[in-house]
């Protein structure tokens, strides 16, 4: 489901000249590995921005994908 949604968003961005995608996820999460292997560009990190399930603040990694970028290949 998540991969399907990301693929749909990427297709939309490739057709829009002014649209970029920006996503975030907790550092060291499964999603971070997915985004990194899927052609997303690591844009930075924000300390204590995300909450772990127990409510403890965790750093967040930001990823972006520019409009017109080619789809990642597998």
Protein backbone atom coordinates (compact mmCIF):
# COMPACT_ATOMS: atom_id res chain seq x y z
CA UNK A 1 0.00 0.00 0.00
CA UNK A 2 2.72 2.50 0.95
CA UNK A 3 4.83 1.63 -2.11
CA UNK A 4 1.76 1.96 -4.35
CA UNK A 5 0.95 5.40 -2.90
CA UNK A 6 4.56 6.54 -3.36
CA UNK A 7 4.56 5.34 -6.97
CA UNK A 8 1.34 7.23 -7.68
CA UNK A 9 2.74 10.41 -6.10
CA UNK A 10 5.94 10.07 -8.12
CA UNK A 11 3.98 9.70 -11.38
CA UNK A 12 2.02 12.85 -10.53
CA UNK A 13 5.18 14.84 -9.77
CA UNK A 14 6.80 13.78 -13.04
CA UNK A 15 3.86 15.30 -14.94
CA UNK A 16 3.82 18.61 -13.02
CA UNK A 17 6.48 21.20 -13.74
CA UNK A 18 6.19 22.98 -10.39
CA UNK A 19 5.51 20.13 -7.99
CA UNK A 20 8.10 18.56 -5.71
CA UNK A 21 7.51 15.82 -3.16
CA UNK A 22 8.72 16.14 0.42
CA UNK A 23 8.33 13.30 2.89
CA UNK A 24 9.66 12.66 6.35
CA UNK A 25 10.21 9.65 8.54
CA UNK A 26 11.88 8.73 11.78
CA UNK A 27 15.62 8.16 11.57
CA UNK A 28 16.61 4.46 11.46
CA UNK A 29 13.08 3.42 10.44
CA UNK A 30 12.10 0.92 7.76
CA UNK A 31 10.64 3.80 5.75
CA UNK A 32 13.99 5.59 5.77
CA UNK A 33 15.62 2.58 4.11
CA UNK A 34 12.74 2.36 1.60
CA UNK A 35 13.03 6.03 0.61
CA UNK A 36 16.82 5.88 0.40
CA UNK A 37 16.73 2.83 -1.87
CA UNK A 38 13.88 4.28 -3.95
CA UNK A 39 15.73 7.23 -5.41
CA UNK A 40 14.65 9.87 -2.88
CA UNK A 41 17.19 12.59 -2.04
CA UNK A 42 18.03 12.99 1.66
CA UNK A 43 17.41 16.67 2.36
CA UNK A 44 18.28 16.85 6.04
CA UNK A 45 17.16 16.01 9.55
CA UNK A 46 15.21 17.77 12.28
CA UNK A 47 15.99 16.84 15.89
CA UNK A 48 13.12 15.76 18.15
CA UNK A 49 10.46 16.28 15.47
CA UNK A 50 8.82 12.83 15.42
CA UNK A 51 7.39 10.89 18.32
CA UNK A 52 8.20 7.25 18.92
CA UNK A 53 5.24 5.00 19.82
CA UNK A 54 5.97 5.63 23.51
CA UNK A 55 5.77 9.39 22.89
CA UNK A 56 9.52 9.98 23.16
CA UNK A 57 10.77 12.64 20.70
CA UNK A 58 12.97 11.31 17.88
CA UNK A 59 14.83 12.94 15.01
CA UNK A 60 13.15 13.02 11.61
CA UNK A 61 14.83 12.61 8.22
CA UNK A 62 13.48 14.65 5.30
CA UNK A 63 13.53 13.32 1.74
CA UNK A 64 12.57 15.07 -1.48
CA UNK A 65 11.98 14.26 -5.10
CA UNK A 66 12.08 17.02 -7.69
CA UNK A 67 9.50 17.41 -10.42
CA UNK A 68 10.60 15.92 -13.72
CA UNK A 69 12.87 13.41 -11.98
CA UNK A 70 13.08 10.02 -13.60
CA UNK A 71 11.40 7.12 -11.86
CA UNK A 72 13.80 4.94 -9.87
CA UNK A 73 14.53 1.59 -11.50
CA UNK A 74 14.72 -1.68 -9.69
